[in-house]
Amino acid sequence: MAGEPQGDCLFCKIVAGTIPATIVRETDTTVAFRDINPQAPTHVLIIPKAHHENAAALAAADPALTADVLREAQAVADEEKLDSYRLVFNTGSGAGQTVWHVHGHVLGGRGLDWPPG
């Protein structure tokens, strides 16, 4: 069920504290932690504590929680002293989503050319 922890979800296990992560911020509704395979000098993942499969599902189910995730992205950028950054949500395997718990990537600390990829 949407919003409920999933026993087979890597990010739900990070939220529960059963899998370690380098946490940089935590609120009542979100967790931010360093990516284990960073693609930029700063690469932090922002996740809601509630399980939602992707950004579209989160936005449809809980707009306030969606806003919390976006606010935390800015807070991470501020703490990391990024004057610019990219926020990426991959949705679907064709876009590179490999963990089916919505997560935003905060990328910064280097030039981020366009188009990406």
C-alpha atoms as a PDB file:
ATOM      1  CA  MET A   1       0.000   0.000   0.000  1.00  0.00           C
ATOM      2  CA  ALA A   2       1.289   3.470  -0.870  1.00  0.00           C
ATOM      3  CA  GLY A   3       2.911   5.243   2.040  1.00  0.00           C
ATOM      4  CA  GLU A   4       3.498   2.045   4.021  1.00  0.00           C
ATOM      5  CA  PRO A   5       7.037   0.648   4.497  1.00  0.00           C
ATOM      6  CA  GLN A   6       7.897  -2.152   2.078  1.00  0.00           C
ATOM      7  CA  GLY A   7       9.960  -5.024   3.463  1.00  0.00           C
ATOM      8  CA  ASP A   8      11.929  -5.462   0.246  1.00  0.00           C
ATOM      9  CA  CYS A   9      12.691  -1.750  -0.302  1.00  0.00           C
ATOM     10  CA  LEU A  10      16.286  -0.605   0.178  1.00  0.00           C
ATOM     11  CA  PHE A  11      15.250   2.961   1.037  1.00  0.00           C
ATOM     12  CA  CYS A  12      12.557   1.835   3.490  1.00  0.00           C
ATOM     13  CA  LYS A  13      15.328  -0.114   5.236  1.00  0.00           C
ATOM     14  CA  ILE A  14      17.483   3.033   5.370  1.00  0.00           C
ATOM     15  CA  VAL A  15      14.536   4.924   6.888  1.00  0.00           C
ATOM     16  CA  ALA A  16      14.116   2.134   9.454  1.00  0.00           C
ATOM     17  CA  GLY A  17      17.835   2.179  10.257  1.00  0.00           C
ATOM     18  CA  THR A  18      18.408  -1.466   9.311  1.00  0.00           C
ATOM     19  CA  ILE A  19      20.728  -0.529   6.423  1.00  0.00           C
ATOM     20  CA  PRO A  20      23.401   2.088   7.103  1.00  0.00           C
ATOM     21  CA  ALA A  21      23.692   5.301   5.113  1.00  0.00           C
ATOM     22  CA  THR A  22      25.623   8.527   5.472  1.00  0.00           C
ATOM     23  CA  ILE A  23      22.726  10.734   6.555  1.00  0.00           C
ATOM     24  CA  VAL A  24      23.226  14.454   6.028  1.00  0.00           C
ATOM     25  CA  ARG A  25      19.745  15.673   7.056  1.00  0.00           C
ATOM     26  CA  GLU A  26      16.622  14.191   8.563  1.00  0.00           C
ATOM     27  CA  THR A  27      13.208  15.674   9.271  1.00  0.00           C
ATOM     28  CA  ASP A  28       9.956  14.161  10.501  1.00  0.00           C
ATOM     29  CA  THR A  29       9.050  13.326   6.884  1.00  0.00           C
ATOM     30  CA  THR A  30      12.319  13.027   4.917  1.00  0.00           C
ATOM     31  CA  VAL A  31      15.840  11.614   4.977  1.00  0.00           C
ATOM     32  CA  ALA A  32      18.794  12.905   2.958  1.00  0.00           C
ATOM     33  CA  PHE A  33      21.899  10.763   2.517  1.00  0.00           C
ATOM     34  CA  ARG A  34      24.986  10.564   0.318  1.00  0.00           C
ATOM     35  CA  ASP A  35      24.758   8.443  -2.820  1.00  0.00           C
ATOM     36  CA  ILE A  36      27.055   5.392  -2.689  1.00  0.00           C
ATOM     37  CA  ASN A  37      27.962   5.934  -6.367  1.00  0.00           C
ATOM     38  CA  PRO A  38      28.320   9.726  -6.628  1.00  0.00           C
ATOM     39  CA  GLN A  39      28.098  11.335 -10.055  1.00  0.00           C
ATOM     40  CA  ALA A  40      29.262  14.755  -8.828  1.00  0.00           C
ATOM     41  CA  PRO A  41      31.279  16.102  -5.890  1.00  0.00           C
ATOM     42  CA  THR A  42      27.945  16.587  -4.111  1.00  0.00           C
ATOM     43  CA  HIS A  43      25.443  13.792  -4.736  1.00  0.00           C
ATOM     44  CA  VAL A  44      22.807  13.482  -2.045  1.00  0.00           C
ATOM     45  CA  LEU A  45      19.534  11.565  -2.252  1.00  0.00           C
ATOM     46  CA  ILE A  46      16.390  13.027  -0.690  1.00  0.00           C
ATOM     47  CA  ILE A  47      13.619  10.544   0.099  1.00  0.00           C
ATOM     48  CA  PRO A  48      10.294  10.745   1.856  1.00  0.00           C
ATOM     49  CA  LYS A  49      10.055   8.398   4.824  1.00  0.00           C
ATOM     50  CA  ALA A  50       6.730   7.177   3.438  1.00  0.00           C
ATOM     51  CA  HIS A  51       7.065   4.710   0.567  1.00  0.00           C
ATOM     52  CA  HIS A  52       5.867   5.928  -2.840  1.00  0.00           C
ATOM     53  CA  GLU A  53       7.093   4.303  -6.035  1.00  0.00           C
ATOM     54  CA  ASN A  54       8.065   7.433  -7.984  1.00  0.00           C
ATOM     55  CA  ALA A  55       7.714  11.215  -8.142  1.00  0.00           C
ATOM     56  CA  ALA A  56       4.397  11.121 -10.002  1.00  0.00           C
ATOM     57  CA  ALA A  57       2.879   8.716  -7.480  1.00  0.00           C
ATOM     58  CA  LEU A  58       4.107  10.853  -4.585  1.00  0.00           C
ATOM     59  CA  ALA A  59       2.737  14.062  -6.107  1.00  0.00           C
ATOM     60  CA  ALA A  60      -0.672  12.463  -6.696  1.00  0.00           C
ATOM     61  CA  ALA A  61      -0.880  10.902  -3.229  1.00  0.00           C
ATOM     62  CA  ASP A  62       0.648  13.578  -1.015  1.00  0.00           C
ATOM     63  CA  PRO A  63       1.380  17.073  -2.399  1.00  0.00           C
ATOM     64  CA  ALA A  64       2.506  18.318   1.036  1.00  0.00           C
ATOM     65  CA  LEU A  65       5.101  15.549   1.312  1.00  0.00           C
ATOM     66  CA  THR A  66       6.242  16.347  -2.237  1.00  0.00           C
ATOM     67  CA  ALA A  67       6.840  19.925  -1.086  1.00  0.00           C
ATOM     68  CA  ASP A  68       8.797  18.627   1.934  1.00  0.00           C
ATOM     69  CA  VAL A  69      11.139  16.699  -0.385  1.00  0.00           C
ATOM     70  CA  LEU A  70      11.706  19.798  -2.531  1.00  0.00           C
ATOM     71  CA  ARG A  71      12.342  22.007   0.522  1.00  0.00           C
ATOM     72  CA  GLU A  72      14.882  19.516   1.800  1.00  0.00           C
ATOM     73  CA  ALA A  73      16.678  19.556  -1.557  1.00  0.00           C
ATOM     74  CA  GLN A  74      17.209  23.290  -1.105  1.00  0.00           C
ATOM     75  CA  ALA A  75      18.289  22.791   2.512  1.00  0.00           C
ATOM     76  CA  VAL A  76      20.892  20.231   1.387  1.00  0.00           C
ATOM     77  CA  ALA A  77      22.129  22.619  -1.315  1.00  0.00           C
ATOM     78  CA  ASP A  78      22.422  25.385   1.285  1.00  0.00           C
ATOM     79  CA  GLU A  79      24.326  23.178   3.739  1.00  0.00           C
ATOM     80  CA  GLU A  80      26.625  21.963   0.967  1.00  0.00           C
ATOM     81  CA  LYS A  81      27.186  25.611  -0.070  1.00  0.00           C
ATOM     82  CA  LEU A  82      26.031  24.983  -3.638  1.00  0.00           C
ATOM     83  CA  ASP A  83      25.246  28.166  -5.532  1.00  0.00           C
ATOM     84  CA  SER A  84      23.701  26.025  -8.247  1.00  0.00           C
ATOM     85  CA  TYR A  85      22.644  22.409  -8.404  1.00  0.00           C
ATOM     86  CA  ARG A  86      20.549  19.938 -10.358  1.00  0.00           C
ATOM     87  CA  LEU A  87      17.623  18.077  -8.826  1.00  0.00           C
ATOM     88  CA  VAL A  88      16.770  14.858 -10.692  1.00  0.00           C
ATOM     89  CA  PHE A  89      13.900  12.407 -10.217  1.00  0.00           C
ATOM     90  CA  ASN A  90      14.204   9.308 -12.405  1.00  0.00           C
ATOM     91  CA  THR A  91      10.804   7.749 -13.052  1.00  0.00           C
ATOM     92  CA  GLY A  92      10.754   4.291 -14.611  1.00  0.00           C
ATOM     93  CA  SER A  93      13.490   1.867 -15.574  1.00  0.00           C
ATOM     94  CA  GLY A  94      13.967   3.538 -18.970  1.00  0.00           C
ATOM     95  CA  ALA A  95      14.950   6.728 -17.152  1.00  0.00           C
ATOM     96  CA  GLY A  96      17.378   4.923 -14.856  1.00  0.00           C
ATOM     97  CA  GLN A  97      15.212   4.326 -11.783  1.00  0.00           C
ATOM     98  CA  THR A  98      16.588   1.259  -9.994  1.00  0.00           C
ATOM     99  CA  VAL A  99      15.089   1.704  -6.517  1.00  0.00           C
ATOM    100  CA  TRP A 100      11.287   1.845  -6.532  1.00  0.00           C
ATOM    101  CA  HIS A 101      11.007   4.384  -3.710  1.00  0.00           C
ATOM    102  CA  VAL A 102      10.852   7.975  -4.930  1.00  0.00           C
ATOM    103  CA  HIS A 103      14.130   9.826  -4.501  1.00  0.00           C
ATOM    104  CA  GLY A 104      15.536  13.097  -5.703  1.00  0.00           C
ATOM    105  CA  HIS A 105      19.219  13.399  -6.565  1.00  0.00           C
ATOM    106  CA  VAL A 106      20.846  16.697  -5.541  1.00  0.00           C
ATOM    107  CA  LEU A 107      23.896  17.044  -7.797  1.00  0.00           C
ATOM    108  CA  GLY A 108      26.392  19.880  -7.626  1.00  0.00           C
ATOM    109  CA  GLY A 109      29.957  20.976  -7.152  1.00  0.00           C
ATOM    110  CA  ARG A 110      30.880  20.741 -10.834  1.00  0.00           C
ATOM    111  CA  GLY A 111      29.588  22.008 -14.156  1.00  0.00           C
ATOM    112  CA  LEU A 112      26.387  20.250 -15.185  1.00  0.00           C
ATOM    113  CA  ASP A 113      26.124  20.566 -18.948  1.00  0.00           C
ATOM    114  CA  TRP A 114      22.869  20.341 -20.848  1.00  0.00           C
ATOM    115  CA  PRO A 115      21.538  18.100 -22.185  1.00  0.00           C
ATOM    116  CA  PRO A 116      22.316  15.560 -19.473  1.00  0.00           C
ATOM    117  CA  GLY A 117      23.250  11.971 -20.200  1.00  0.00           C
END
